[in-house]
């Protein structure tokens, strides 16, 4: 199974510890491409409008990647959306890890979470994981799903992004049984009881967040 790691932004404070050791093929998104070059990590693709880097920094990026796609800064997609579309076009069965999803900005975080609702990405939702220093966000369409507890992550939150007719959480600390969710909302600060937990949703799309203080 192919794995793409999309590095978004360059702030190391927003990246998980030892992120450089992740398995998979590196893709630099805008300033994230510069971070990869500075870390001497070989990336297959750099993509973005690169409006956050200087001319000298962009030259450094161009020399450090086999392929560079420079986008027009006036565009409908965010750099992350463009990068996600590009890698899924390369391999539509790939797992995609998107690292550094917020950089401290709530608008960037929301844009990265909500983009899975777009028709072109919705069917790939379960292949996409958003990762930063304190959070790991996965997505699930209808059905019953098993969630594995990540080491060091205490909290487990469920964020329905669409209405759900029946939502069941029956092996977590706080439970729901065939609960109707009429609109997007957040069920936060739940916890694992064991090493796994399950979620069942009859329809719709849910984001599952493992987080730590």
N, C-alpha and C. Protein backbone atom coordinates (compact mmCIF):
# COMPACT_ATOMS: atom_id res chain seq x y z
N UNK A 1 0.83 -1.19 0.00
CA UNK A 1 0.00 0.00 0.00
C UNK A 1 0.87 1.25 0.00
N UNK A 2 0.62 2.13 -0.94
CA UNK A 2 1.40 3.36 -1.04
C UNK A 2 0.94 4.37 0.01
N UNK A 3 1.91 5.07 0.59
CA UNK A 3 1.61 6.11 1.58
C UNK A 3 2.25 7.41 1.10
N UNK A 4 1.46 8.46 1.08
CA UNK A 4 1.97 9.80 0.82
C UNK A 4 1.89 10.60 2.12
N UNK A 5 3.00 11.24 2.48
CA UNK A 5 3.03 12.16 3.62
C UNK A 5 3.10 13.58 3.08
N UNK A 6 2.01 14.34 3.23
CA UNK A 6 1.97 15.72 2.77
C UNK A 6 2.35 16.63 3.92
N UNK A 7 3.47 17.31 3.79
CA UNK A 7 3.93 18.22 4.84
C UNK A 7 3.43 19.62 4.50
N UNK A 8 2.52 20.10 5.34
CA UNK A 8 1.87 21.40 5.11
C UNK A 8 2.48 22.41 6.06
N UNK A 9 3.09 23.45 5.56
CA UNK A 9 3.70 24.45 6.41
C UNK A 9 5.04 23.98 6.95
N UNK A 10 5.73 24.88 7.61
CA UNK A 10 7.08 24.56 8.04
C UNK A 10 7.34 24.70 9.52
N UNK A 11 6.30 24.96 10.33
CA UNK A 11 6.50 25.21 11.75
C UNK A 11 6.71 23.89 12.49
N UNK A 12 7.89 23.62 13.00
CA UNK A 12 8.14 22.35 13.67
C UNK A 12 7.33 22.17 14.94
N UNK A 13 6.89 23.28 15.55
CA UNK A 13 6.10 23.19 16.77
C UNK A 13 4.73 22.56 16.53
N UNK A 14 4.29 22.54 15.27
CA UNK A 14 2.99 21.98 14.94
C UNK A 14 3.09 20.56 14.41
N UNK A 15 4.29 20.00 14.38
CA UNK A 15 4.50 18.66 13.83
C UNK A 15 4.69 17.64 14.95
N UNK A 16 4.26 16.39 14.72
CA UNK A 16 4.47 15.36 15.76
C UNK A 16 5.94 15.08 15.98
N UNK A 17 6.25 14.58 17.16
CA UNK A 17 7.64 14.24 17.45
C UNK A 17 8.11 13.13 16.51
N UNK A 18 9.36 13.23 16.09
CA UNK A 18 9.97 12.22 15.21
C UNK A 18 9.21 12.04 13.90
N UNK A 19 8.61 13.11 13.43
CA UNK A 19 7.83 13.01 12.19
C UNK A 19 8.70 12.61 11.01
N UNK A 20 9.98 12.92 11.07
CA UNK A 20 10.88 12.60 9.96
C UNK A 20 11.00 11.09 9.73
N UNK A 21 10.62 10.30 10.74
CA UNK A 21 10.79 8.85 10.65
C UNK A 21 9.58 8.13 10.09
N UNK A 22 8.56 8.86 9.71
CA UNK A 22 7.36 8.24 9.16
C UNK A 22 7.67 7.53 7.84
N UNK A 23 7.06 6.37 7.66
CA UNK A 23 7.17 5.67 6.40
C UNK A 23 6.33 6.38 5.34
N UNK A 24 6.76 6.28 4.10
CA UNK A 24 5.97 6.83 3.01
C UNK A 24 6.74 7.82 2.16
N UNK A 25 6.10 8.26 1.11
CA UNK A 25 6.70 9.18 0.15
C UNK A 25 6.35 10.61 0.54
N UNK A 26 7.36 11.47 0.58
CA UNK A 26 7.16 12.84 1.04
C UNK A 26 6.72 13.77 -0.09
N UNK A 27 5.72 14.60 0.23
CA UNK A 27 5.25 15.65 -0.67
C UNK A 27 5.29 16.96 0.11
N UNK A 28 5.99 17.95 -0.41
CA UNK A 28 6.07 19.25 0.25
C UNK A 28 4.99 20.18 -0.27
N UNK A 29 4.20 20.72 0.63
CA UNK A 29 3.11 21.63 0.25
C UNK A 29 3.50 23.04 0.67
N UNK A 30 3.75 23.90 -0.32
CA UNK A 30 4.17 25.28 -0.09
C UNK A 30 5.39 25.30 0.85
N UNK A 31 5.29 25.97 1.99
CA UNK A 31 6.47 26.11 2.85
C UNK A 31 6.91 24.78 3.45
N UNK A 32 6.01 23.81 3.45
CA UNK A 32 6.40 22.47 3.90
C UNK A 32 7.49 21.87 3.03
N UNK A 33 7.53 22.26 1.75
CA UNK A 33 8.59 21.78 0.86
C UNK A 33 9.95 22.28 1.33
N UNK A 34 10.01 23.53 1.78
CA UNK A 34 11.26 24.08 2.28
C UNK A 34 11.70 23.35 3.55
N UNK A 35 10.75 23.02 4.42
CA UNK A 35 11.08 22.27 5.63
C UNK A 35 11.69 20.92 5.28
N UNK A 36 11.14 20.24 4.27
CA UNK A 36 11.70 18.95 3.86
C UNK A 36 13.13 19.10 3.36
N UNK A 37 13.37 20.14 2.57
CA UNK A 37 14.72 20.38 2.06
C UNK A 37 15.67 20.65 3.22
N UNK A 38 15.24 21.47 4.17
CA UNK A 38 16.09 21.80 5.31
C UNK A 38 16.38 20.58 6.19
N UNK A 39 15.43 19.63 6.21
CA UNK A 39 15.62 18.41 6.98
C UNK A 39 16.35 17.34 6.18
N UNK A 40 16.70 17.67 4.94
CA UNK A 40 17.39 16.75 4.04
C UNK A 40 16.59 15.47 3.81
N UNK A 41 15.26 15.66 3.70
CA UNK A 41 14.36 14.56 3.38
C UNK A 41 14.00 14.66 1.90
N UNK A 42 14.24 13.61 1.16
CA UNK A 42 13.99 13.61 -0.26
C UNK A 42 12.50 13.49 -0.54
N UNK A 43 11.95 14.47 -1.24
CA UNK A 43 10.55 14.44 -1.59
C UNK A 43 10.35 14.24 -3.08
N UNK A 44 9.26 13.57 -3.45
CA UNK A 44 9.00 13.32 -4.86
C UNK A 44 8.32 14.50 -5.54
N UNK A 45 7.59 15.31 -4.75
CA UNK A 45 6.80 16.39 -5.33
C UNK A 45 6.74 17.56 -4.37
N UNK A 46 6.91 18.77 -4.91
CA UNK A 46 6.65 20.01 -4.18
C UNK A 46 5.54 20.74 -4.93
N UNK A 47 4.53 21.20 -4.22
CA UNK A 47 3.40 21.84 -4.87
C UNK A 47 2.87 22.98 -4.01
N UNK A 48 2.46 24.05 -4.65
CA UNK A 48 1.88 25.19 -3.96
C UNK A 48 2.08 26.46 -4.77
N UNK A 49 1.53 27.56 -4.26
CA UNK A 49 1.79 28.84 -4.93
C UNK A 49 3.08 29.47 -4.40
N UNK A 50 3.59 28.95 -3.31
CA UNK A 50 4.87 29.35 -2.72
C UNK A 50 4.94 30.86 -2.45
N UNK A 51 3.79 31.40 -2.04
CA UNK A 51 3.77 32.82 -1.70
C UNK A 51 4.34 33.08 -0.31
N UNK A 52 4.64 32.00 0.43
CA UNK A 52 5.19 32.16 1.77
C UNK A 52 6.70 31.95 1.80
N UNK A 53 7.33 31.80 0.63
CA UNK A 53 8.78 31.64 0.59
C UNK A 53 9.39 32.74 -0.28
N UNK A 54 10.63 33.05 -0.01
CA UNK A 54 11.35 34.04 -0.81
C UNK A 54 11.82 33.40 -2.12
N UNK A 55 12.33 34.24 -3.03
CA UNK A 55 12.86 33.71 -4.29
C UNK A 55 14.03 32.77 -4.04
N UNK A 56 14.89 33.12 -3.11
CA UNK A 56 16.03 32.27 -2.78
C UNK A 56 15.57 30.94 -2.19
N UNK A 57 14.55 31.00 -1.34
CA UNK A 57 14.03 29.76 -0.74
C UNK A 57 13.36 28.90 -1.79
N UNK A 58 12.65 29.53 -2.72
CA UNK A 58 12.01 28.74 -3.78
C UNK A 58 13.06 28.06 -4.67
N UNK A 59 14.15 28.75 -4.94
CA UNK A 59 15.23 28.14 -5.72
C UNK A 59 15.78 26.92 -5.00
N UNK A 60 15.85 27.00 -3.68
CA UNK A 60 16.32 25.88 -2.87
C UNK A 60 15.35 24.70 -2.98
N UNK A 61 14.05 25.01 -2.95
CA UNK A 61 13.02 23.98 -3.12
C UNK A 61 13.13 23.35 -4.51
N UNK A 62 13.23 24.17 -5.53
CA UNK A 62 13.29 23.67 -6.91
C UNK A 62 14.46 22.73 -7.12
N UNK A 63 15.56 23.00 -6.42
CA UNK A 63 16.75 22.14 -6.56
C UNK A 63 16.63 20.86 -5.76
N UNK A 64 15.70 20.82 -4.81
CA UNK A 64 15.64 19.69 -3.90
C UNK A 64 14.58 18.65 -4.22
N UNK A 65 13.78 18.90 -5.27
CA UNK A 65 12.70 17.98 -5.61
C UNK A 65 12.80 17.56 -7.07
N UNK A 66 12.37 16.34 -7.34
CA UNK A 66 12.34 15.86 -8.72
C UNK A 66 11.29 16.60 -9.54
N UNK A 67 10.19 16.97 -8.87
CA UNK A 67 9.10 17.63 -9.57
C UNK A 67 8.55 18.75 -8.71
N UNK A 68 8.38 19.92 -9.32
CA UNK A 68 7.82 21.07 -8.63
C UNK A 68 6.65 21.61 -9.44
N UNK A 69 5.51 21.76 -8.78
CA UNK A 69 4.32 22.33 -9.42
C UNK A 69 4.03 23.66 -8.74
N UNK A 70 4.22 24.75 -9.46
CA UNK A 70 3.96 26.08 -8.92
C UNK A 70 2.60 26.55 -9.39
N UNK A 71 1.71 26.79 -8.44
CA UNK A 71 0.33 27.15 -8.74
C UNK A 71 0.16 28.66 -8.77
N UNK A 72 -0.83 29.08 -9.54
CA UNK A 72 -1.22 30.49 -9.54
C UNK A 72 -1.80 30.83 -8.17
N UNK A 73 -1.33 31.90 -7.52
CA UNK A 73 -1.87 32.23 -6.19
C UNK A 73 -3.35 32.59 -6.21
N UNK A 74 -3.87 32.98 -7.38
CA UNK A 74 -5.30 33.26 -7.52
C UNK A 74 -5.94 31.96 -8.02
N UNK A 75 -6.54 31.21 -7.12
CA UNK A 75 -7.06 29.89 -7.46
C UNK A 75 -8.21 29.53 -6.53
N UNK A 76 -8.98 28.53 -6.93
CA UNK A 76 -10.11 28.08 -6.10
C UNK A 76 -9.66 27.13 -5.00
N UNK A 77 -8.66 26.30 -5.26
CA UNK A 77 -8.18 25.33 -4.28
C UNK A 77 -7.19 25.95 -3.32
N UNK A 78 -7.17 25.42 -2.10
CA UNK A 78 -6.02 25.69 -1.24
C UNK A 78 -4.85 24.86 -1.75
N UNK A 79 -3.65 25.18 -1.29
CA UNK A 79 -2.49 24.39 -1.69
C UNK A 79 -2.65 22.93 -1.23
N UNK A 80 -3.23 22.74 -0.05
CA UNK A 80 -3.42 21.38 0.46
C UNK A 80 -4.41 20.61 -0.39
N UNK A 81 -5.51 21.24 -0.78
CA UNK A 81 -6.49 20.58 -1.65
C UNK A 81 -5.85 20.19 -2.98
N UNK A 82 -5.06 21.08 -3.54
CA UNK A 82 -4.39 20.79 -4.82
C UNK A 82 -3.43 19.62 -4.66
N UNK A 83 -2.70 19.58 -3.55
CA UNK A 83 -1.76 18.49 -3.30
C UNK A 83 -2.49 17.16 -3.11
N UNK A 84 -3.59 17.18 -2.36
CA UNK A 84 -4.36 15.97 -2.13
C UNK A 84 -4.93 15.43 -3.45
N UNK A 85 -5.48 16.32 -4.27
CA UNK A 85 -6.00 15.90 -5.57
C UNK A 85 -4.90 15.29 -6.43
N UNK A 86 -3.72 15.87 -6.37
CA UNK A 86 -2.60 15.40 -7.19
C UNK A 86 -2.17 13.99 -6.79
N UNK A 87 -2.01 13.73 -5.49
CA UNK A 87 -1.52 12.42 -5.07
C UNK A 87 -2.58 11.34 -5.27
N UNK A 88 -3.86 11.70 -5.10
CA UNK A 88 -4.92 10.71 -5.34
C UNK A 88 -5.06 10.41 -6.83
N UNK A 89 -4.68 11.37 -7.66
CA UNK A 89 -4.65 11.11 -9.09
C UNK A 89 -3.51 10.16 -9.46
N UNK A 90 -2.41 10.25 -8.71
CA UNK A 90 -1.28 9.34 -8.92
C UNK A 90 -1.64 7.92 -8.50
N UNK A 91 -2.28 7.80 -7.32
CA UNK A 91 -2.68 6.49 -6.80
C UNK A 91 -3.94 6.65 -5.96
N UNK A 92 -5.07 6.23 -6.51
CA UNK A 92 -6.33 6.45 -5.81
C UNK A 92 -6.59 5.44 -4.69
N UNK A 93 -5.65 4.54 -4.46
CA UNK A 93 -5.75 3.62 -3.32
C UNK A 93 -4.77 3.99 -2.19
N UNK A 94 -4.03 5.04 -2.37
CA UNK A 94 -2.99 5.41 -1.40
C UNK A 94 -3.59 5.90 -0.09
N UNK A 95 -2.85 5.67 0.99
CA UNK A 95 -3.15 6.33 2.26
C UNK A 95 -2.43 7.68 2.25
N UNK A 96 -3.12 8.71 2.72
CA UNK A 96 -2.56 10.06 2.68
C UNK A 96 -2.53 10.63 4.09
N UNK A 97 -1.32 10.93 4.58
CA UNK A 97 -1.13 11.59 5.87
C UNK A 97 -0.84 13.06 5.60
N UNK A 98 -1.61 13.93 6.21
CA UNK A 98 -1.41 15.37 6.05
C UNK A 98 -0.92 15.91 7.38
N UNK A 99 0.33 16.39 7.40
CA UNK A 99 0.99 16.79 8.65
C UNK A 99 1.07 18.31 8.76
N UNK A 100 0.87 18.79 10.00
CA UNK A 100 0.96 20.22 10.25
C UNK A 100 -0.27 20.95 9.75
N UNK A 101 -1.45 20.44 10.13
CA UNK A 101 -2.69 20.86 9.47
C UNK A 101 -3.21 22.23 9.89
N UNK A 102 -2.74 22.79 11.00
CA UNK A 102 -3.31 24.06 11.42
C UNK A 102 -2.31 25.20 11.45
N UNK A 103 -1.09 24.91 11.89
CA UNK A 103 -0.12 25.98 12.07
C UNK A 103 -0.60 27.01 13.07
N UNK A 104 -1.57 26.62 13.92
CA UNK A 104 -2.13 27.54 14.90
C UNK A 104 -3.33 28.33 14.40
N UNK A 105 -3.64 28.24 13.11
CA UNK A 105 -4.76 28.99 12.54
C UNK A 105 -6.00 28.11 12.44
N UNK A 106 -7.10 28.57 13.07
CA UNK A 106 -8.34 27.80 13.06
C UNK A 106 -8.91 27.70 11.65
N UNK A 107 -8.76 28.75 10.83
CA UNK A 107 -9.32 28.68 9.47
C UNK A 107 -8.63 27.61 8.65
N UNK A 108 -7.31 27.47 8.81
CA UNK A 108 -6.59 26.42 8.09
C UNK A 108 -7.02 25.04 8.57
N UNK A 109 -7.17 24.89 9.88
CA UNK A 109 -7.60 23.61 10.42
C UNK A 109 -8.98 23.23 9.89
N UNK A 110 -9.93 24.16 9.92
CA UNK A 110 -11.28 23.88 9.44
C UNK A 110 -11.28 23.56 7.95
N UNK A 111 -10.47 24.29 7.19
CA UNK A 111 -10.40 24.03 5.75
C UNK A 111 -9.91 22.61 5.49
N UNK A 112 -8.93 22.16 6.26
CA UNK A 112 -8.38 20.82 6.06
C UNK A 112 -9.33 19.73 6.53
N UNK A 113 -10.10 19.99 7.58
CA UNK A 113 -11.08 19.00 8.04
C UNK A 113 -12.26 18.93 7.08
N UNK A 114 -12.78 20.07 6.68
CA UNK A 114 -14.01 20.10 5.89
C UNK A 114 -13.81 19.73 4.43
N UNK A 115 -12.56 19.72 3.96
CA UNK A 115 -12.36 19.40 2.54
C UNK A 115 -12.76 17.97 2.22
N UNK A 116 -12.80 17.08 3.22
CA UNK A 116 -13.20 15.70 2.94
C UNK A 116 -14.67 15.60 2.55
N UNK A 117 -15.44 16.66 2.80
CA UNK A 117 -16.85 16.68 2.39
C UNK A 117 -17.03 16.97 0.91
N UNK A 118 -15.99 17.48 0.26
CA UNK A 118 -16.09 17.75 -1.17
C UNK A 118 -16.33 16.45 -1.93
N UNK A 119 -17.16 16.50 -2.95
CA UNK A 119 -17.51 15.29 -3.71
C UNK A 119 -16.28 14.57 -4.24
N UNK A 120 -15.27 15.30 -4.67
CA UNK A 120 -14.09 14.66 -5.25
C UNK A 120 -13.23 13.93 -4.23
N UNK A 121 -13.38 14.29 -2.92
CA UNK A 121 -12.59 13.67 -1.86
C UNK A 121 -13.40 12.72 -0.98
N UNK A 122 -14.72 12.85 -1.00
CA UNK A 122 -15.57 12.12 -0.06
C UNK A 122 -15.34 10.61 -0.12
N UNK A 123 -15.20 10.06 -1.30
CA UNK A 123 -15.05 8.61 -1.39
C UNK A 123 -13.67 8.14 -0.92
N UNK A 124 -12.74 9.09 -0.77
CA UNK A 124 -11.40 8.76 -0.28
C UNK A 124 -11.24 9.08 1.21
N UNK A 125 -12.33 9.48 1.87
CA UNK A 125 -12.23 10.02 3.23
C UNK A 125 -11.50 9.07 4.18
N UNK A 126 -11.76 7.78 4.08
CA UNK A 126 -11.16 6.83 5.01
C UNK A 126 -9.69 6.58 4.74
N UNK A 127 -9.18 7.12 3.63
CA UNK A 127 -7.75 7.00 3.31
C UNK A 127 -6.95 8.21 3.80
N UNK A 128 -7.64 9.22 4.37
CA UNK A 128 -7.00 10.48 4.73
C UNK A 128 -6.88 10.59 6.25
N UNK A 129 -5.68 10.94 6.71
CA UNK A 129 -5.44 11.18 8.14
C UNK A 129 -4.75 12.53 8.31
N UNK A 130 -5.27 13.35 9.20
CA UNK A 130 -4.67 14.65 9.52
C UNK A 130 -3.89 14.50 10.83
N UNK A 131 -2.66 14.96 10.84
CA UNK A 131 -1.79 14.75 12.00
C UNK A 131 -1.08 16.05 12.37
N UNK A 132 -1.13 16.39 13.65
CA UNK A 132 -0.24 17.43 14.16
C UNK A 132 0.30 16.96 15.51
N UNK A 133 0.91 17.83 16.26
CA UNK A 133 1.59 17.41 17.49
C UNK A 133 0.63 16.86 18.53
N UNK A 134 -0.60 17.35 18.56
CA UNK A 134 -1.52 16.97 19.62
C UNK A 134 -2.74 16.19 19.14
N UNK A 135 -2.91 16.03 17.85
CA UNK A 135 -4.13 15.43 17.34
C UNK A 135 -3.87 14.50 16.16
N UNK A 136 -4.71 13.49 16.07
CA UNK A 136 -4.71 12.58 14.92
C UNK A 136 -6.17 12.41 14.50
N UNK A 137 -6.51 12.85 13.30
CA UNK A 137 -7.90 12.90 12.85
C UNK A 137 -8.10 11.92 11.70
N UNK A 138 -9.03 11.00 11.87
CA UNK A 138 -9.41 10.08 10.82
C UNK A 138 -10.88 10.27 10.49
N UNK A 139 -11.30 9.72 9.37
CA UNK A 139 -12.66 9.93 8.87
C UNK A 139 -13.29 8.59 8.52
N UNK A 140 -14.61 8.48 8.79
CA UNK A 140 -15.31 7.24 8.49
C UNK A 140 -16.67 7.53 7.86
N UNK A 141 -16.97 6.80 6.79
CA UNK A 141 -18.29 6.81 6.20
C UNK A 141 -19.16 5.78 6.92
N UNK A 142 -20.37 5.57 6.43
CA UNK A 142 -21.32 4.69 7.10
C UNK A 142 -20.77 3.28 7.29
N UNK A 143 -21.20 2.63 8.39
CA UNK A 143 -20.76 1.29 8.71
C UNK A 143 -20.19 1.22 10.11
N UNK A 144 -19.66 0.05 10.47
CA UNK A 144 -19.04 -0.16 11.78
C UNK A 144 -17.54 -0.18 11.60
N UNK A 145 -16.83 0.59 12.43
CA UNK A 145 -15.39 0.76 12.27
C UNK A 145 -14.68 0.57 13.61
N UNK A 146 -13.48 -0.02 13.55
CA UNK A 146 -12.65 -0.20 14.72
C UNK A 146 -11.54 0.84 14.74
N UNK A 147 -11.35 1.48 15.88
CA UNK A 147 -10.34 2.53 16.05
C UNK A 147 -9.27 2.01 17.00
N UNK A 148 -8.02 2.04 16.59
CA UNK A 148 -6.92 1.60 17.43
C UNK A 148 -6.37 2.79 18.23
N UNK A 149 -6.17 2.58 19.51
CA UNK A 149 -5.66 3.64 20.38
C UNK A 149 -4.20 3.95 20.04
N UNK A 150 -3.91 5.24 19.80
CA UNK A 150 -2.55 5.68 19.53
C UNK A 150 -1.83 5.92 20.86
N UNK A 151 -0.60 5.43 20.97
CA UNK A 151 0.17 5.60 22.19
C UNK A 151 0.34 7.07 22.53
N UNK A 152 0.06 7.42 23.78
CA UNK A 152 0.25 8.79 24.24
C UNK A 152 -0.95 9.70 24.03
N UNK A 153 -2.00 9.20 23.39
CA UNK A 153 -3.18 10.02 23.13
C UNK A 153 -4.29 9.60 24.09
N UNK A 154 -4.74 10.51 24.93
CA UNK A 154 -5.69 10.18 25.99
C UNK A 154 -7.14 10.30 25.54
N UNK A 155 -7.47 11.34 24.79
CA UNK A 155 -8.86 11.67 24.53
C UNK A 155 -9.32 11.17 23.16
N UNK A 156 -10.60 10.89 23.08
CA UNK A 156 -11.22 10.37 21.87
C UNK A 156 -12.50 11.16 21.63
N UNK A 157 -12.56 11.86 20.51
CA UNK A 157 -13.72 12.70 20.22
C UNK A 157 -14.34 12.30 18.88
N UNK A 158 -15.64 12.45 18.80
CA UNK A 158 -16.39 12.08 17.60
C UNK A 158 -17.12 13.32 17.08
N UNK A 159 -16.83 13.68 15.84
CA UNK A 159 -17.37 14.90 15.26
C UNK A 159 -18.17 14.55 14.00
N UNK A 160 -19.48 14.32 14.12
CA UNK A 160 -20.28 14.12 12.92
C UNK A 160 -20.22 15.37 12.04
N UNK A 161 -19.85 15.18 10.79
CA UNK A 161 -19.77 16.30 9.86
C UNK A 161 -21.03 16.46 9.04
N UNK A 162 -21.93 15.48 9.16
CA UNK A 162 -23.21 15.49 8.46
C UNK A 162 -24.27 14.97 9.43
N UNK A 163 -25.55 15.12 9.10
CA UNK A 163 -26.58 14.44 9.89
C UNK A 163 -26.39 12.93 9.83
N UNK A 164 -26.65 12.26 10.95
CA UNK A 164 -26.55 10.81 11.04
C UNK A 164 -27.84 10.29 11.69
N UNK A 165 -28.47 9.31 11.07
CA UNK A 165 -29.73 8.78 11.60
C UNK A 165 -29.52 7.96 12.86
N UNK A 166 -28.42 7.21 12.92
CA UNK A 166 -28.16 6.38 14.10
C UNK A 166 -26.65 6.29 14.32
N UNK A 167 -26.21 6.79 15.47
CA UNK A 167 -24.79 6.77 15.85
C UNK A 167 -24.66 5.95 17.13
N UNK A 168 -23.77 4.96 17.11
CA UNK A 168 -23.58 4.10 18.28
C UNK A 168 -22.11 4.08 18.70
N UNK A 169 -21.89 4.37 19.97
CA UNK A 169 -20.59 4.23 20.63
C UNK A 169 -20.84 3.34 21.84
N UNK A 170 -20.51 2.05 21.72
CA UNK A 170 -20.93 1.14 22.79
C UNK A 170 -19.79 0.54 23.59
N UNK A 171 -18.53 0.89 23.25
CA UNK A 171 -17.42 0.37 24.05
C UNK A 171 -16.41 1.45 24.40
N UNK A 172 -16.89 2.67 24.51
CA UNK A 172 -16.10 3.80 24.99
C UNK A 172 -16.54 4.17 26.41
N UNK A 173 -15.84 5.08 27.05
CA UNK A 173 -16.19 5.48 28.41
C UNK A 173 -17.59 6.08 28.46
N UNK A 174 -17.92 6.92 27.48
CA UNK A 174 -19.25 7.52 27.40
C UNK A 174 -19.93 6.98 26.15
N UNK A 175 -21.14 6.43 26.31
CA UNK A 175 -21.76 5.67 25.24
C UNK A 175 -22.97 6.37 24.64
N UNK A 176 -23.23 6.01 23.38
CA UNK A 176 -24.44 6.40 22.68
C UNK A 176 -24.99 5.16 22.00
N UNK A 177 -26.32 5.07 21.89
CA UNK A 177 -26.93 3.90 21.27
C UNK A 177 -28.00 4.36 20.27
N UNK A 178 -27.72 4.12 19.01
CA UNK A 178 -28.65 4.51 17.94
C UNK A 178 -29.12 5.96 18.11
N UNK A 179 -28.16 6.82 18.38
CA UNK A 179 -28.45 8.22 18.66
C UNK A 179 -28.59 9.00 17.35
N UNK A 180 -29.67 9.74 17.22
CA UNK A 180 -29.88 10.55 16.02
C UNK A 180 -29.12 11.86 16.15
N UNK A 181 -28.37 12.21 15.11
CA UNK A 181 -27.61 13.46 15.06
C UNK A 181 -28.19 14.29 13.92
N UNK A 182 -29.00 15.30 14.21
CA UNK A 182 -29.67 16.05 13.14
C UNK A 182 -28.78 17.03 12.39
N UNK A 183 -27.67 17.40 12.99
CA UNK A 183 -26.77 18.37 12.34
C UNK A 183 -25.35 18.15 12.87
N UNK A 184 -24.39 18.76 12.19
CA UNK A 184 -22.99 18.63 12.62
C UNK A 184 -22.84 19.12 14.06
N UNK A 185 -22.10 18.35 14.86
CA UNK A 185 -21.83 18.74 16.24
C UNK A 185 -20.64 17.94 16.73
N UNK A 186 -20.22 18.19 17.97
CA UNK A 186 -19.02 17.55 18.50
C UNK A 186 -19.33 16.82 19.80
N UNK A 187 -18.89 15.56 19.87
CA UNK A 187 -18.93 14.78 21.10
C UNK A 187 -17.47 14.61 21.53
N UNK A 188 -17.05 15.40 22.49
CA UNK A 188 -15.62 15.51 22.79
C UNK A 188 -15.26 14.87 24.13
N UNK A 189 -13.95 14.68 24.31
CA UNK A 189 -13.37 14.21 25.58
C UNK A 189 -13.90 12.86 26.03
N UNK A 190 -14.24 12.00 25.08
CA UNK A 190 -14.50 10.60 25.42
C UNK A 190 -13.15 9.93 25.62
N UNK A 191 -13.16 8.66 26.01
CA UNK A 191 -11.90 7.94 26.23
C UNK A 191 -12.04 6.48 25.86
N UNK A 192 -10.92 5.86 25.49
CA UNK A 192 -10.87 4.42 25.29
C UNK A 192 -11.03 3.72 26.64
N UNK A 193 -11.65 2.54 26.60
CA UNK A 193 -11.64 1.65 27.76
C UNK A 193 -10.52 0.63 27.62
N UNK A 194 -10.32 0.15 26.40
CA UNK A 194 -9.24 -0.79 26.10
C UNK A 194 -8.33 -0.23 25.02
N UNK A 195 -7.76 -1.13 24.24
CA UNK A 195 -6.83 -0.72 23.19
C UNK A 195 -7.53 -0.36 21.88
N UNK A 196 -8.82 -0.69 21.79
CA UNK A 196 -9.60 -0.34 20.60
C UNK A 196 -10.96 0.19 21.02
N UNK A 197 -11.60 0.85 20.09
CA UNK A 197 -12.98 1.30 20.28
C UNK A 197 -13.68 1.15 18.94
N UNK A 198 -15.00 1.11 18.97
CA UNK A 198 -15.76 0.99 17.73
C UNK A 198 -16.74 2.15 17.61
N UNK A 199 -17.05 2.48 16.38
CA UNK A 199 -18.07 3.47 16.09
C UNK A 199 -18.93 2.92 14.97
N UNK A 200 -20.23 3.06 15.12
CA UNK A 200 -21.17 2.67 14.06
C UNK A 200 -21.99 3.89 13.67
N UNK A 201 -22.06 4.17 12.38
CA UNK A 201 -22.94 5.20 11.89
C UNK A 201 -23.73 4.66 10.72
N UNK A 202 -25.02 4.92 10.73
CA UNK A 202 -25.91 4.36 9.72
C UNK A 202 -25.72 5.03 8.36
N UNK A 203 -25.29 6.27 8.39
CA UNK A 203 -25.12 7.05 7.16
C UNK A 203 -24.24 8.25 7.50
N UNK A 204 -23.84 9.00 6.48
CA UNK A 204 -23.11 10.23 6.73
C UNK A 204 -21.61 10.02 6.85
N UNK A 205 -20.96 11.03 7.46
CA UNK A 205 -19.50 11.06 7.59
C UNK A 205 -19.14 11.60 8.97
N UNK A 206 -18.18 10.96 9.62
CA UNK A 206 -17.76 11.39 10.96
C UNK A 206 -16.24 11.52 11.00
N UNK A 207 -15.78 12.54 11.73
CA UNK A 207 -14.36 12.68 12.02
C UNK A 207 -14.12 12.14 13.43
N UNK A 208 -13.07 11.34 13.57
CA UNK A 208 -12.70 10.78 14.88
C UNK A 208 -11.33 11.36 15.23
N UNK A 209 -11.26 12.00 16.40
CA UNK A 209 -10.04 12.70 16.81
C UNK A 209 -9.47 12.06 18.06
N UNK A 210 -8.24 11.57 17.96
CA UNK A 210 -7.48 11.21 19.15
C UNK A 210 -6.57 12.38 19.48
N UNK A 211 -6.57 12.78 20.75
CA UNK A 211 -5.81 13.99 21.10
C UNK A 211 -5.18 13.83 22.48
N UNK A 212 -4.22 14.72 22.75
CA UNK A 212 -3.56 14.75 24.04
C UNK A 212 -3.40 16.19 24.48
N UNK A 213 -3.22 16.40 25.79
CA UNK A 213 -3.04 17.76 26.32
C UNK A 213 -1.71 18.33 25.87
